[in-house]
Amino acid sequence: MEAINTWLRDVFVTPSVLETLVWLTLVSALGLSLGKLRVGKLSLGITFVFFVGILAAHFGVRVHPEMNSFAQTIGLSLFVYALGVEVGPSFFPSLKSQGILYNMLGLLVIAIGLILVVILHLVCGISVPNLLGIMSGAVTNTPMLAAVQSTMQDILGPSGAREIADLALGCALTYPLGVVGMILAIIVLNLVDPRRSKPTEDKSASNTYITELELTNSVLFGKTILEAVRLEDKHFIISRIWRGDNLIIPSSQTVLTEGDHLLVLIHPEDLEEMEAFFGKRAESRDWNRPDIDWDAIDSQLISKRLIITNSKVNGAKLGALRLRNQYGINITRIDRAGIEILATPDLYLQLGDRISVVGEAQEVERAAKFLGDSINTLDKPKLFSFFLGLAMGCIIGSIPLTIPGLSMPIKLGLAGGPIIIGILMGAFGARFRIATYMSNSATQLIKQLGIILYLAGLGLASGSHFFEMIIHGDGLLWIGLGFLITVLPTMIVGLISLFGYKKTHAETVGMLCGVMANSMALDYAMSINESRSSSVAYAIVYPVGMFVRIISAQIILSFFL
């Protein structure tokens, strides 16, 4: 019996590497099970892991502090780096159109929130570190909490352990109402939406627009497509030409004639200029509908989506491959991480790009063999580039950055450094022949594993004073302030977006969920809007919002600590 008691103490009671690992995994498993619970459409998901860790610590679970710190650190680094790699390919292309406005509105949300933190500090007398902890829960952004804790650790050292733990308590107290407050803001914005009773056009994750134009500009009569391209600064692609009853797959030397009907792919904002350049619109149908059967339109041609899996194509310029001349096919669209990109000659291709091509069946098959088009190839994760990028992110995050006016340098930390390198690797790795593509399942596994480890460790490290804070401390006040930090900035910017910039409700709330890092509220927004615009706006704003929150919180902390 004594042997069994000793074994049980070693596994569950005495702080050690084994005991810490056991409790991290048990807390994670129980939290994930509870995360399946829903109240209506609302669920806190994996955040339950955090609260289970808090409860375990409250009831006396004590783990090895250094082991727990390592688990939080590696978990956070894995999460933010995988996030950066995931959004990197679509990050910069998305900024070329509506993304600029989305991110400007998102930055306004962050700015209002930080101003509110300073005001509450002056009015209520609560320390700025505690308010930043409250804010991290109110905006459901735990990487921001990690960045603030890291900065506090650098400044205060071991003597600030209690203050650092209080940051996590502030996050835990305000996180649930951070989710609920965002959903309430979505409901209110839907009620006041001026377009609520009007049908809205679904703006999908696309930077391309397809239009049919009748050639009436006499300047272009008799000119080749190559000559026409040189006359216009805007990018466009002519994928089909109808000349009477004949269908032509154009090449650069195809001669344009009066009355040709051109199927042209352009950026949405260039539509009016393209009409002036070519001629009047001759829309025989809505060419942007997702359910168009292109094979049925062109009986002698096929339209197929090919996946780039040939490593030799990774990092190559589209124009350098001369696919139109080699195989007689036209590339109409390129899908990169859910964002459609116009197929311009100077576009660098990446592994995992999905290319829509049109041509004769035999030629399309030849092109498929050249590009790879083997989904099984993509199932093998590119671990060399992953670990190389993660190491670079950790190194960059540790570099002290001197900012004029601050008494001490700041660091990007293990939240800021990896996400920046992840975005850069995902966006530009192909240009240096670095294969960074990972399948969606592999990316999601790494992200989920990382954030779960971080939340479990955070709960176990900070939960011992949780209920004391609520009962005997300022817990209820903190909850109220967190709710204010959630609702006020989102409502102000949401109204500006709806009424000032005439954005749809789906776009507006997607942008707000992105800057608040609130995927739970995004699920609700998508359930009430029959549009992909919410998820598109979320994906565009999320990386910038995450990065700016991490850096701005450290700057504010350095001014007031």
Protein backbone atom coordinates (compact mmCIF):
# COMPACT_ATOMS: atom_id res chain seq x y z
CA MET A 1 0.00 0.00 0.00
CA GLU A 2 2.85 2.36 0.82
CA ALA A 3 4.31 1.74 -2.63
CA ILE A 4 1.00 2.69 -4.27
CA ASN A 5 0.73 5.86 -2.17
CA THR A 6 4.27 6.82 -3.13
CA TRP A 7 3.51 6.23 -6.78
CA LEU A 8 0.32 8.32 -6.60
CA ARG A 9 2.19 11.17 -4.90
CA ASP A 10 4.93 11.07 -7.54
CA VAL A 11 2.43 11.17 -10.41
CA PHE A 12 -0.20 13.60 -9.07
CA VAL A 13 1.13 15.56 -6.07
CA THR A 14 4.88 16.13 -5.94
CA PRO A 15 5.87 18.85 -8.45
CA SER A 16 8.09 17.27 -11.09
CA VAL A 17 8.42 16.95 -14.85
CA LEU A 18 6.19 13.86 -14.84
CA GLU A 19 3.55 15.41 -12.56
CA THR A 20 3.46 18.60 -14.65
CA LEU A 21 3.07 16.65 -17.88
CA VAL A 22 0.26 14.55 -16.40
CA TRP A 23 -1.69 17.59 -15.20
CA LEU A 24 -1.16 19.51 -18.44
CA THR A 25 -2.60 16.63 -20.44
CA LEU A 26 -5.47 15.96 -18.02
CA VAL A 27 -6.43 19.64 -17.91
CA SER A 28 -6.28 19.79 -21.71
CA ALA A 29 -8.41 16.67 -22.17
CA LEU A 30 -11.09 17.77 -19.70
CA GLY A 31 -11.12 21.32 -21.06
CA LEU A 32 -11.57 20.10 -24.63
CA SER A 33 -14.45 17.87 -23.52
CA LEU A 34 -16.20 20.78 -21.81
CA GLY A 35 -15.48 22.94 -24.87
CA LYS A 36 -18.10 20.96 -26.77
CA LEU A 37 -20.83 22.36 -24.52
CA ARG A 38 -23.00 25.05 -26.10
CA VAL A 39 -25.56 27.53 -24.85
CA GLY A 40 -27.57 28.10 -27.99
CA LYS A 41 -24.96 28.95 -30.61
CA LEU A 42 -22.43 30.12 -28.02
CA SER A 43 -19.43 28.11 -26.87
CA LEU A 44 -16.08 29.06 -25.39
CA GLY A 45 -14.39 26.15 -27.18
CA ILE A 46 -10.80 25.49 -26.18
CA THR A 47 -10.90 28.39 -23.71
CA PHE A 48 -12.39 25.87 -21.28
CA VAL A 49 -8.85 24.46 -21.03
CA PHE A 50 -7.83 27.73 -19.38
CA PHE A 51 -10.68 27.59 -16.86
CA VAL A 52 -10.13 23.92 -16.02
CA GLY A 53 -6.48 24.80 -15.27
CA ILE A 54 -7.65 27.62 -13.01
CA LEU A 55 -9.98 25.28 -11.11
CA ALA A 56 -7.24 22.65 -10.74
CA ALA A 57 -4.87 25.25 -9.28
CA HIS A 58 -7.62 26.58 -6.98
CA PHE A 59 -8.14 23.10 -5.52
CA GLY A 60 -4.46 22.68 -4.76
CA VAL A 61 -2.72 21.34 -7.85
CA ARG A 62 0.86 22.63 -7.93
CA VAL A 63 3.15 21.88 -10.84
CA HIS A 64 6.86 22.29 -11.54
CA PRO A 65 7.19 26.03 -12.35
CA GLU A 66 10.04 25.75 -14.85
CA MET A 67 8.42 22.86 -16.70
CA ASN A 68 5.11 24.70 -16.81
CA SER A 69 6.81 27.86 -18.07
CA PHE A 70 8.47 25.86 -20.86
CA ALA A 71 5.11 24.33 -21.85
CA GLN A 72 3.53 27.79 -22.09
CA THR A 73 6.48 29.15 -24.06
CA ILE A 74 6.70 26.37 -26.63
CA GLY A 75 2.91 26.26 -26.96
CA LEU A 76 2.60 29.98 -27.64
CA SER A 77 5.51 29.96 -30.11
CA LEU A 78 4.07 27.03 -32.08
CA PHE A 79 0.65 28.68 -32.23
CA VAL A 80 1.69 32.12 -33.42
CA TYR A 81 4.29 30.85 -35.91
CA ALA A 82 1.86 28.36 -37.49
CA LEU A 83 -0.71 31.17 -37.64
CA GLY A 84 1.78 33.40 -39.45
CA VAL A 85 2.66 30.72 -42.01
CA GLU A 86 -1.04 30.04 -42.56
CA VAL A 87 -2.04 33.63 -43.30
CA GLY A 88 1.26 34.67 -44.93
CA PRO A 89 0.44 33.67 -48.55
CA SER A 90 -2.78 35.68 -48.60
CA PHE A 91 -1.69 38.49 -46.28
CA PHE A 92 -0.03 40.92 -48.68
CA PRO A 93 -2.31 40.22 -51.71
CA SER A 94 -5.32 40.96 -49.50
CA LEU A 95 -3.94 44.40 -48.66
CA LYS A 96 -4.11 45.55 -52.27
CA SER A 97 -7.87 46.14 -52.31
CA GLN A 98 -10.41 46.27 -49.50
CA GLY A 99 -7.80 45.07 -46.99
CA ILE A 100 -6.37 48.56 -46.49
CA LEU A 101 -9.71 49.91 -45.27
CA TYR A 102 -10.40 46.82 -43.16
CA ASN A 103 -7.07 47.13 -41.38
CA MET A 104 -7.40 50.89 -40.87
CA LEU A 105 -10.76 50.30 -39.17
CA GLY A 106 -9.19 47.48 -37.14
CA LEU A 107 -6.37 49.75 -36.00
CA LEU A 108 -8.98 52.29 -34.93
CA VAL A 109 -10.58 49.64 -32.70
CA ILE A 110 -7.18 48.98 -31.08
CA ALA A 111 -6.44 52.70 -30.65
CA ILE A 112 -9.80 53.37 -28.95
CA GLY A 113 -9.22 50.39 -26.65
CA LEU A 114 -5.78 51.63 -25.59
CA ILE A 115 -7.08 55.17 -25.00
CA LEU A 116 -9.82 53.63 -22.87
CA VAL A 117 -7.20 51.74 -20.84
CA VAL A 118 -5.33 54.97 -20.07
CA ILE A 119 -8.57 56.77 -19.13
CA LEU A 120 -9.65 53.93 -16.83
CA HIS A 121 -6.21 53.93 -15.21
CA LEU A 122 -6.53 57.63 -14.41
CA VAL A 123 -10.18 57.46 -13.29
CA CYS A 124 -10.33 54.13 -11.43
CA GLY A 125 -6.76 53.94 -10.14
CA ILE A 126 -6.22 50.41 -11.47
CA SER A 127 -2.65 49.74 -12.59
CA VAL A 128 -1.95 49.68 -16.31
CA PRO A 129 -0.54 46.10 -16.17
CA ASN A 130 -3.79 44.86 -14.60
CA LEU A 131 -5.84 46.80 -17.15
CA LEU A 132 -3.83 45.23 -19.97
CA GLY A 133 -4.58 41.82 -18.47
CA ILE A 134 -8.26 42.77 -18.36
CA MET A 135 -8.01 43.99 -21.94
CA SER A 136 -6.42 40.75 -23.18
CA GLY A 137 -9.47 38.85 -21.96
CA ALA A 138 -11.91 41.49 -23.19
CA VAL A 139 -10.49 41.21 -26.70
CA THR A 140 -9.98 37.42 -26.37
CA ASN A 141 -6.30 37.75 -27.25
CA THR A 142 -4.13 35.49 -25.06
CA PRO A 143 -0.92 36.10 -27.09
CA MET A 144 -1.24 39.74 -26.06
CA LEU A 145 -1.38 38.56 -22.43
CA ALA A 146 1.76 36.49 -22.97
CA ALA A 147 3.61 39.49 -24.43
CA VAL A 148 2.67 41.67 -21.44
CA GLN A 149 3.67 38.94 -18.98
CA SER A 150 7.02 38.54 -20.74
CA THR A 151 7.69 42.27 -20.55
CA MET A 152 6.73 42.31 -16.87
CA GLN A 153 9.08 39.38 -16.22
CA ASP A 154 11.96 41.25 -17.90
CA ILE A 155 11.30 44.36 -15.81
CA LEU A 156 10.35 42.96 -12.41
CA GLY A 157 12.08 39.58 -12.41
CA PRO A 158 11.09 36.91 -9.84
CA SER A 159 9.85 39.56 -7.38
CA GLY A 160 6.91 40.33 -9.64
CA ALA A 161 5.47 36.80 -9.71
CA ARG A 162 2.19 37.81 -8.03
CA GLU A 163 1.70 40.85 -10.30
CA ILE A 164 2.31 38.67 -13.35
CA ALA A 165 -0.21 36.09 -12.09
CA ASP A 166 -2.79 38.87 -11.61
CA LEU A 167 -2.57 39.64 -15.33
CA ALA A 168 -3.80 36.15 -16.12
CA LEU A 169 -6.59 36.51 -13.55
CA GLY A 170 -7.75 39.68 -15.27
CA CYS A 171 -7.82 37.81 -18.57
CA ALA A 172 -9.73 34.88 -17.07
CA LEU A 173 -12.33 37.14 -15.46
CA THR A 174 -13.11 39.10 -18.61
CA TYR A 175 -12.70 36.45 -21.32
CA PRO A 176 -16.25 34.99 -21.17
CA LEU A 177 -17.91 38.40 -21.40
CA GLY A 178 -15.42 39.28 -24.13
CA VAL A 179 -17.09 36.60 -26.25
CA VAL A 180 -20.62 37.53 -25.14
CA GLY A 181 -20.02 41.26 -25.56
CA MET A 182 -18.80 40.78 -29.12
CA ILE A 183 -21.89 38.74 -29.98
CA LEU A 184 -24.14 41.41 -28.46
CA ALA A 185 -22.37 44.02 -30.59
CA ILE A 186 -23.00 41.86 -33.68
CA ILE A 187 -26.71 41.67 -32.82
CA VAL A 188 -27.02 45.44 -32.23
CA LEU A 189 -25.15 46.29 -35.43
CA ASN A 190 -27.45 43.95 -37.33
CA LEU A 191 -30.51 45.75 -35.93
CA VAL A 192 -29.23 49.21 -36.93
CA ASP A 193 -27.74 48.11 -40.28
CA PRO A 194 -29.17 50.47 -42.93
CA ARG A 195 -29.04 47.66 -45.50
CA ARG A 196 -30.75 45.12 -43.27
CA SER A 197 -33.86 44.89 -45.42
CA LYS A 198 -31.94 44.96 -48.68
CA PRO A 199 -30.29 41.97 -50.36
CA THR A 200 -26.52 42.20 -50.22
CA GLU A 201 -24.04 40.92 -52.71
CA ASP A 202 -21.72 38.21 -51.45
CA LYS A 203 -18.18 39.47 -51.75
CA SER A 204 -16.12 36.33 -51.63
CA ALA A 205 -12.45 35.99 -50.95
CA SER A 206 -11.53 37.27 -54.37
CA ASN A 207 -9.26 39.91 -55.82
CA THR A 208 -10.55 39.12 -59.34
CA TYR A 209 -13.71 40.06 -61.20
CA ILE A 210 -14.91 38.49 -64.44
CA THR A 211 -16.73 40.63 -66.98
CA GLU A 212 -17.79 40.29 -70.63
CA LEU A 213 -16.97 43.29 -72.82
CA GLU A 214 -17.80 44.00 -76.46
CA LEU A 215 -14.82 45.52 -78.27
CA THR A 216 -15.90 48.94 -79.60
CA ASN A 217 -12.70 50.97 -79.09
CA SER A 218 -11.40 51.54 -82.62
CA VAL A 219 -7.89 52.15 -81.29
CA LEU A 220 -7.63 48.43 -80.53
CA PHE A 221 -8.95 47.14 -83.86
CA GLY A 222 -6.23 45.09 -85.57
CA LYS A 223 -3.91 45.10 -82.56
CA THR A 224 -2.62 41.97 -80.88
CA ILE A 225 -3.41 41.28 -77.22
CA LEU A 226 0.26 41.91 -76.39
CA GLU A 227 0.01 45.38 -77.98
CA ALA A 228 -3.22 46.06 -76.08
CA VAL A 229 -1.60 45.08 -72.79
CA ARG A 230 1.18 47.62 -73.40
CA LEU A 231 -1.38 50.40 -73.87
CA GLU A 232 -3.00 49.91 -70.46
CA ASP A 233 -1.36 50.22 -67.05
CA LYS A 234 -3.95 48.08 -65.26
CA HIS A 235 -3.55 44.31 -65.15
CA PHE A 236 -6.12 42.24 -67.05
CA ILE A 237 -6.42 38.76 -68.56
CA ILE A 238 -8.50 37.87 -71.63
CA SER A 239 -9.45 34.24 -71.11
CA ARG A 240 -11.93 33.78 -74.01
CA ILE A 241 -12.96 35.58 -77.18
CA TRP A 242 -16.27 34.96 -78.90
CA ARG A 243 -16.11 36.02 -82.56
CA GLY A 244 -19.53 35.32 -84.02
CA ASP A 245 -20.18 31.64 -83.40
CA ASN A 246 -16.49 30.85 -82.94
CA LEU A 247 -14.74 30.54 -79.58
CA ILE A 248 -11.06 31.49 -79.43
CA ILE A 249 -8.59 30.75 -76.65
CA PRO A 250 -6.37 33.81 -77.08
CA SER A 251 -2.61 34.03 -77.02
CA SER A 252 -0.44 37.12 -76.87
CA GLN A 253 -0.46 37.27 -80.71
CA THR A 254 -4.23 36.98 -81.16
CA VAL A 255 -5.50 39.95 -83.21
CA LEU A 256 -8.51 41.84 -81.87
CA THR A 257 -11.34 42.78 -84.24
CA GLU A 258 -14.41 44.98 -83.96
CA GLY A 259 -17.33 43.33 -82.19
CA ASP A 260 -15.29 40.68 -80.39
CA HIS A 261 -16.84 39.62 -77.10
CA LEU A 262 -14.03 39.38 -74.57
CA LEU A 263 -14.20 37.54 -71.26
CA VAL A 264 -11.84 39.65 -69.14
CA LEU A 265 -10.47 39.04 -65.63
CA ILE A 266 -9.60 42.20 -63.72
CA HIS A 267 -9.36 43.66 -60.24
CA PRO A 268 -12.89 44.66 -59.11
CA GLU A 269 -11.94 48.31 -58.72
CA ASP A 270 -10.72 48.50 -62.35
CA LEU A 271 -14.10 47.71 -63.94
CA GLU A 272 -14.97 51.24 -65.10
CA GLU A 273 -11.51 51.81 -66.58
CA MET A 274 -11.67 48.50 -68.48
CA GLU A 275 -15.06 49.46 -69.92
CA ALA A 276 -13.58 52.72 -71.17
CA PHE A 277 -10.57 50.88 -72.60
CA PHE A 278 -12.34 48.03 -74.43
CA GLY A 279 -15.95 49.02 -74.84
CA LYS A 280 -19.40 48.48 -73.41
CA ARG A 281 -20.33 45.66 -71.06
CA ALA A 282 -22.18 42.80 -72.73
CA GLU A 283 -23.07 40.61 -69.79
CA SER A 284 -24.92 37.57 -71.16
CA ARG A 285 -24.84 36.10 -67.63
CA ASP A 286 -23.33 36.63 -64.19
CA TRP A 287 -19.78 35.34 -64.78
CA ASN A 288 -18.86 35.63 -61.09
CA ARG A 289 -21.36 33.08 -59.83
CA PRO A 290 -19.55 30.24 -58.02
CA ASP A 291 -21.80 27.56 -59.54
CA ILE A 292 -21.05 28.24 -63.21
CA ASP A 293 -20.32 25.02 -65.14
CA TRP A 294 -17.48 26.19 -67.37
CA ASP A 295 -17.25 22.83 -69.11
CA ALA A 296 -20.85 23.16 -70.24
CA ILE A 297 -20.17 26.62 -71.67
CA ASP A 298 -17.28 25.48 -73.85
CA SER A 299 -18.09 22.03 -75.19
CA GLN A 300 -14.72 21.66 -76.92
CA LEU A 301 -12.75 22.89 -73.91
CA ILE A 302 -12.44 21.96 -70.26
CA SER A 303 -11.91 24.12 -67.20
CA LYS A 304 -9.90 22.51 -64.44
CA ARG A 305 -8.24 23.53 -61.18
CA LEU A 306 -4.63 22.33 -60.90
CA ILE A 307 -2.56 22.30 -57.71
CA ILE A 308 1.10 23.24 -57.81
CA THR A 309 3.05 20.42 -56.17
CA ASN A 310 6.17 20.39 -58.37
CA SER A 311 8.97 21.84 -56.23
CA LYS A 312 10.68 23.18 -59.37
CA VAL A 313 7.73 25.50 -59.95
CA ASN A 314 7.85 26.83 -56.36
CA GLY A 315 9.10 30.42 -56.49
CA ALA A 316 8.94 30.70 -60.30
CA LYS A 317 7.30 33.69 -61.96
CA LEU A 318 4.10 32.82 -63.77
CA GLY A 319 5.18 34.61 -66.94
CA ALA A 320 8.52 32.74 -67.02
CA LEU A 321 6.75 29.37 -67.30
CA ARG A 322 5.13 30.35 -70.65
CA LEU A 323 2.22 28.00 -69.99
CA ARG A 324 0.05 29.59 -72.69
CA ASN A 325 2.67 29.09 -75.39
CA GLN A 326 3.79 25.64 -74.20
CA TYR A 327 0.38 24.06 -73.64
CA GLY A 328 -2.13 26.39 -75.28
CA ILE A 329 -3.99 26.96 -72.01
CA ASN A 330 -5.24 30.10 -70.34
CA ILE A 331 -4.83 30.67 -66.61
CA THR A 332 -7.91 32.43 -65.36
CA ARG A 333 -7.56 32.53 -61.58
CA ILE A 334 -5.20 31.56 -58.79
CA ASP A 335 -6.44 30.61 -55.33
CA ARG A 336 -3.87 31.07 -52.58
CA ALA A 337 -4.94 30.17 -49.05
CA GLY A 338 -8.55 31.05 -49.83
CA ILE A 339 -7.78 34.38 -51.55
CA GLU A 340 -8.22 34.64 -55.33
CA ILE A 341 -5.35 36.45 -57.02
CA LEU A 342 -5.20 37.86 -60.55
CA ALA A 343 -2.80 35.76 -62.62
CA THR A 344 -0.26 38.42 -63.63
CA PRO A 345 3.05 37.49 -65.34
CA ASP A 346 5.17 38.79 -62.43
CA LEU A 347 3.33 36.72 -59.80
CA TYR A 348 5.56 34.30 -57.88
CA LEU A 349 3.95 30.87 -57.65
CA GLN A 350 4.00 28.80 -54.46
CA LEU A 351 3.43 25.19 -53.54
CA GLY A 352 -0.24 24.71 -52.79
CA ASP A 353 -1.46 27.39 -55.22
CA ARG A 354 -4.63 26.26 -57.00
CA ILE A 355 -4.65 27.41 -60.62
CA SER A 356 -7.82 27.50 -62.72
CA VAL A 357 -6.96 26.77 -66.37
CA VAL A 358 -8.94 26.55 -69.61
CA GLY A 359 -7.90 24.58 -72.67
CA GLU A 360 -8.24 21.37 -74.60
CA ALA A 361 -8.39 18.29 -72.41
CA GLN A 362 -5.13 16.79 -73.72
CA GLU A 363 -3.18 20.02 -73.21
CA VAL A 364 -4.61 20.55 -69.73
CA GLU A 365 -3.42 17.05 -68.74
CA ARG A 366 0.07 17.85 -70.05
CA ALA A 367 0.14 21.05 -68.00
CA ALA A 368 -1.08 19.12 -64.94
CA LYS A 369 1.89 16.76 -65.18
CA PHE A 370 4.28 19.70 -65.36
CA LEU A 371 2.73 21.56 -62.40
CA GLY A 372 2.46 18.41 -60.30
CA ASP A 373 -1.24 18.36 -59.40
CA SER A 374 -0.66 15.62 -56.79
CA ILE A 375 -2.52 16.35 -53.58
CA ASN A 376 -0.70 13.49 -51.82
CA THR A 377 2.59 15.36 -52.21
CA LEU A 378 1.24 18.21 -50.10
CA ASP A 379 0.35 15.89 -47.24
CA LYS A 380 4.03 15.70 -46.26
CA PRO A 381 4.79 18.70 -43.98
CA LYS A 382 7.86 20.83 -44.74
CA LEU A 383 9.46 20.48 -41.32
CA PHE A 384 12.86 21.91 -42.21
CA SER A 385 11.43 25.30 -43.13
CA PHE A 386 9.04 25.16 -40.17
CA PHE A 387 11.76 24.72 -37.55
CA LEU A 388 14.11 27.12 -39.32
CA GLY A 389 11.44 29.83 -39.35
CA LEU A 390 10.45 29.15 -35.74
CA ALA A 391 14.09 29.50 -34.63
CA MET A 392 14.43 32.76 -36.55
CA GLY A 393 11.19 34.04 -34.99
CA CYS A 394 12.39 33.29 -31.46
CA ILE A 395 15.75 34.98 -32.17
CA ILE A 396 14.11 38.07 -33.69
CA GLY A 397 11.68 38.24 -30.79
CA SER A 398 14.54 38.43 -28.29
CA ILE A 399 16.25 41.45 -29.89
CA PRO A 400 15.75 44.62 -27.76
CA LEU A 401 14.35 47.50 -29.82
CA THR A 402 15.02 51.05 -28.66
CA ILE A 403 12.10 53.45 -29.17
CA PRO A 404 12.63 57.20 -28.57
CA GLY A 405 10.82 58.34 -25.44
CA LEU A 406 10.87 54.96 -23.70
CA SER A 407 13.12 54.43 -20.72
CA MET A 408 13.86 50.86 -21.73
CA PRO A 409 13.91 48.88 -24.98
CA ILE A 410 11.04 46.58 -25.88
CA LYS A 411 11.13 43.15 -27.45
CA LEU A 412 8.77 41.52 -29.90
CA GLY A 413 8.89 38.49 -27.62
CA LEU A 414 7.86 34.93 -28.29
CA ALA A 415 4.48 36.15 -29.53
CA GLY A 416 5.60 38.96 -31.86
CA GLY A 417 8.80 37.51 -33.33
CA PRO A 418 7.43 34.15 -34.54
CA ILE A 419 4.26 35.63 -36.05
CA ILE A 420 6.26 38.18 -38.07
CA ILE A 421 8.69 35.57 -39.39
CA GLY A 422 5.79 33.19 -40.02
CA ILE A 423 4.01 35.76 -42.17
CA LEU A 424 7.21 36.57 -44.07
CA MET A 425 8.02 32.89 -44.61
CA GLY A 426 4.51 32.16 -45.83
CA ALA A 427 4.48 35.20 -48.11
CA PHE A 428 8.02 35.25 -49.51
CA GLY A 429 9.59 31.86 -48.73
CA ALA A 430 8.89 30.64 -52.25
CA ARG A 431 11.00 33.44 -53.75
CA PHE A 432 14.00 31.91 -52.00
CA ARG A 433 12.94 28.38 -53.01
CA ILE A 434 11.90 27.62 -49.42
CA ALA A 435 8.86 25.33 -49.35
CA THR A 436 6.65 26.47 -46.47
CA TYR A 437 3.32 24.94 -47.49
CA MET A 438 1.59 22.68 -44.99
CA SER A 439 -1.77 21.00 -45.41
CA ASN A 440 -4.66 22.58 -43.58
CA SER A 441 -4.94 19.62 -41.21
CA ALA A 442 -1.24 19.84 -40.26
CA THR A 443 -1.48 23.60 -39.70
CA GLN A 444 -4.59 23.28 -37.55
CA LEU A 445 -3.01 20.49 -35.50
CA ILE A 446 0.06 22.58 -34.70
CA LYS A 447 -2.01 25.66 -33.89
CA GLN A 448 -4.42 23.76 -31.65
CA LEU A 449 -1.66 21.87 -29.87
CA GLY A 450 0.24 25.08 -29.22
CA ILE A 451 -2.62 27.18 -27.91
CA ILE A 452 -3.96 24.31 -25.74
CA LEU A 453 -0.57 23.80 -24.08
CA TYR A 454 -0.33 27.54 -23.46
CA LEU A 455 -3.83 27.83 -21.97
CA ALA A 456 -3.43 24.75 -19.76
CA GLY A 457 -0.12 26.00 -18.38
CA LEU A 458 -1.47 29.51 -17.91
CA GLY A 459 -4.45 28.27 -15.92
CA LEU A 460 -2.31 26.07 -13.67
CA ALA A 461 0.13 28.93 -13.06
CA SER A 462 -2.42 31.60 -12.16
CA GLY A 463 -5.54 29.93 -10.76
CA SER A 464 -4.71 29.71 -7.07
CA HIS A 465 -5.96 33.29 -6.38
CA PHE A 466 -8.87 33.33 -8.86
CA PHE A 467 -11.81 33.06 -6.46
CA GLU A 468 -10.08 35.19 -3.86
CA MET A 469 -9.95 37.95 -6.46
CA ILE A 470 -13.68 37.64 -7.20
CA ILE A 471 -14.87 37.43 -3.58
CA HIS A 472 -12.48 39.72 -1.73
CA GLY A 473 -10.87 41.75 -4.49
CA ASP A 474 -11.92 43.92 -7.42
CA GLY A 475 -13.03 41.00 -9.58
CA LEU A 476 -16.54 42.30 -10.29
CA LEU A 477 -15.19 45.74 -11.16
CA TRP A 478 -12.66 44.16 -13.50
CA ILE A 479 -15.43 42.19 -15.22
CA GLY A 480 -17.45 45.37 -15.78
CA LEU A 481 -14.44 47.26 -17.15
CA GLY A 482 -13.60 44.37 -19.46
CA PHE A 483 -17.14 44.38 -20.85
CA LEU A 484 -16.78 48.13 -21.52
CA ILE A 485 -13.45 47.56 -23.33
CA THR A 486 -15.13 44.90 -25.47
CA VAL A 487 -18.29 46.75 -26.45
CA LEU A 488 -17.40 50.45 -26.73
CA PRO A 489 -14.62 50.28 -29.40
CA THR A 490 -16.49 47.67 -31.47
CA MET A 491 -19.73 49.66 -31.48
CA ILE A 492 -18.02 52.94 -32.40
CA VAL A 493 -16.03 51.46 -35.28
CA GLY A 494 -18.90 49.21 -36.33
CA LEU A 495 -21.17 52.22 -36.79
CA ILE A 496 -18.44 54.07 -38.69
CA SER A 497 -18.08 51.07 -41.02
CA LEU A 498 -21.82 50.67 -41.62
CA PHE A 499 -22.78 54.31 -42.00
CA GLY A 500 -19.54 56.05 -42.93
CA TYR A 501 -18.03 53.55 -45.38
CA LYS A 502 -21.30 51.78 -46.37
CA LYS A 503 -19.86 48.35 -45.62
CA THR A 504 -22.22 45.40 -45.23
CA HIS A 505 -22.99 43.91 -41.85
CA ALA A 506 -21.11 40.73 -42.81
CA GLU A 507 -17.95 42.65 -43.73
CA THR A 508 -18.17 44.89 -40.67
CA VAL A 509 -18.58 42.17 -38.05
CA GLY A 510 -15.98 39.96 -39.76
CA MET A 511 -13.47 42.79 -39.51
CA LEU A 512 -14.39 43.39 -35.85
CA CYS A 513 -14.07 39.69 -34.99
CA GLY A 514 -10.67 39.63 -36.68
CA VAL A 515 -9.23 42.54 -34.74
CA MET A 516 -10.73 41.09 -31.53
CA ALA A 517 -9.26 37.64 -32.36
CA ASN A 518 -12.72 36.25 -31.60
CA SER A 519 -13.35 33.12 -33.64
CA MET A 520 -16.35 32.16 -31.50
CA ALA A 521 -18.14 35.39 -32.38
CA LEU A 522 -17.12 34.87 -36.03
CA ASP A 523 -18.99 31.55 -36.05
CA TYR A 524 -22.09 33.36 -34.85
CA ALA A 525 -21.67 36.14 -37.42
CA MET A 526 -21.39 33.62 -40.25
CA SER A 527 -24.52 31.83 -39.03
CA ILE A 528 -26.66 34.97 -39.45
CA ASN A 529 -25.07 36.21 -42.70
CA GLU A 530 -25.38 34.13 -45.84
CA SER A 531 -22.04 35.39 -47.08
CA ARG A 532 -18.35 34.54 -46.95
CA SER A 533 -17.51 38.20 -46.47
CA SER A 534 -17.25 37.80 -42.70
CA SER A 535 -14.55 35.12 -42.90
CA VAL A 536 -12.68 37.06 -45.60
CA ALA A 537 -12.59 40.27 -43.54
CA TYR A 538 -11.59 38.24 -40.46
CA ALA A 539 -8.65 36.63 -42.27
CA ILE A 540 -7.46 39.98 -43.63
CA VAL A 541 -7.52 41.82 -40.31
CA TYR A 542 -6.47 39.05 -37.90
CA PRO A 543 -2.67 39.06 -38.52
CA VAL A 544 -2.30 42.84 -38.39
CA GLY A 545 -4.55 43.07 -35.35
CA MET A 546 -2.63 40.34 -33.55
CA PHE A 547 0.74 41.95 -34.27
CA VAL A 548 -0.31 45.50 -33.35
CA ARG A 549 -1.97 44.40 -30.11
CA ILE A 550 1.18 42.55 -29.04
CA ILE A 551 3.49 45.49 -29.78
CA SER A 552 1.20 48.31 -28.62
CA ALA A 553 0.53 46.61 -25.27
CA GLN A 554 4.26 46.40 -24.59
CA ILE A 555 4.73 50.07 -25.52
CA ILE A 556 1.90 51.21 -23.24
CA LEU A 557 3.30 49.05 -20.43
CA SER A 558 6.78 50.55 -20.84
CA PHE A 559 5.37 54.07 -20.47
CA PHE A 560 3.44 53.38 -17.25
CA LEU A 561 5.33 50.64 -15.41
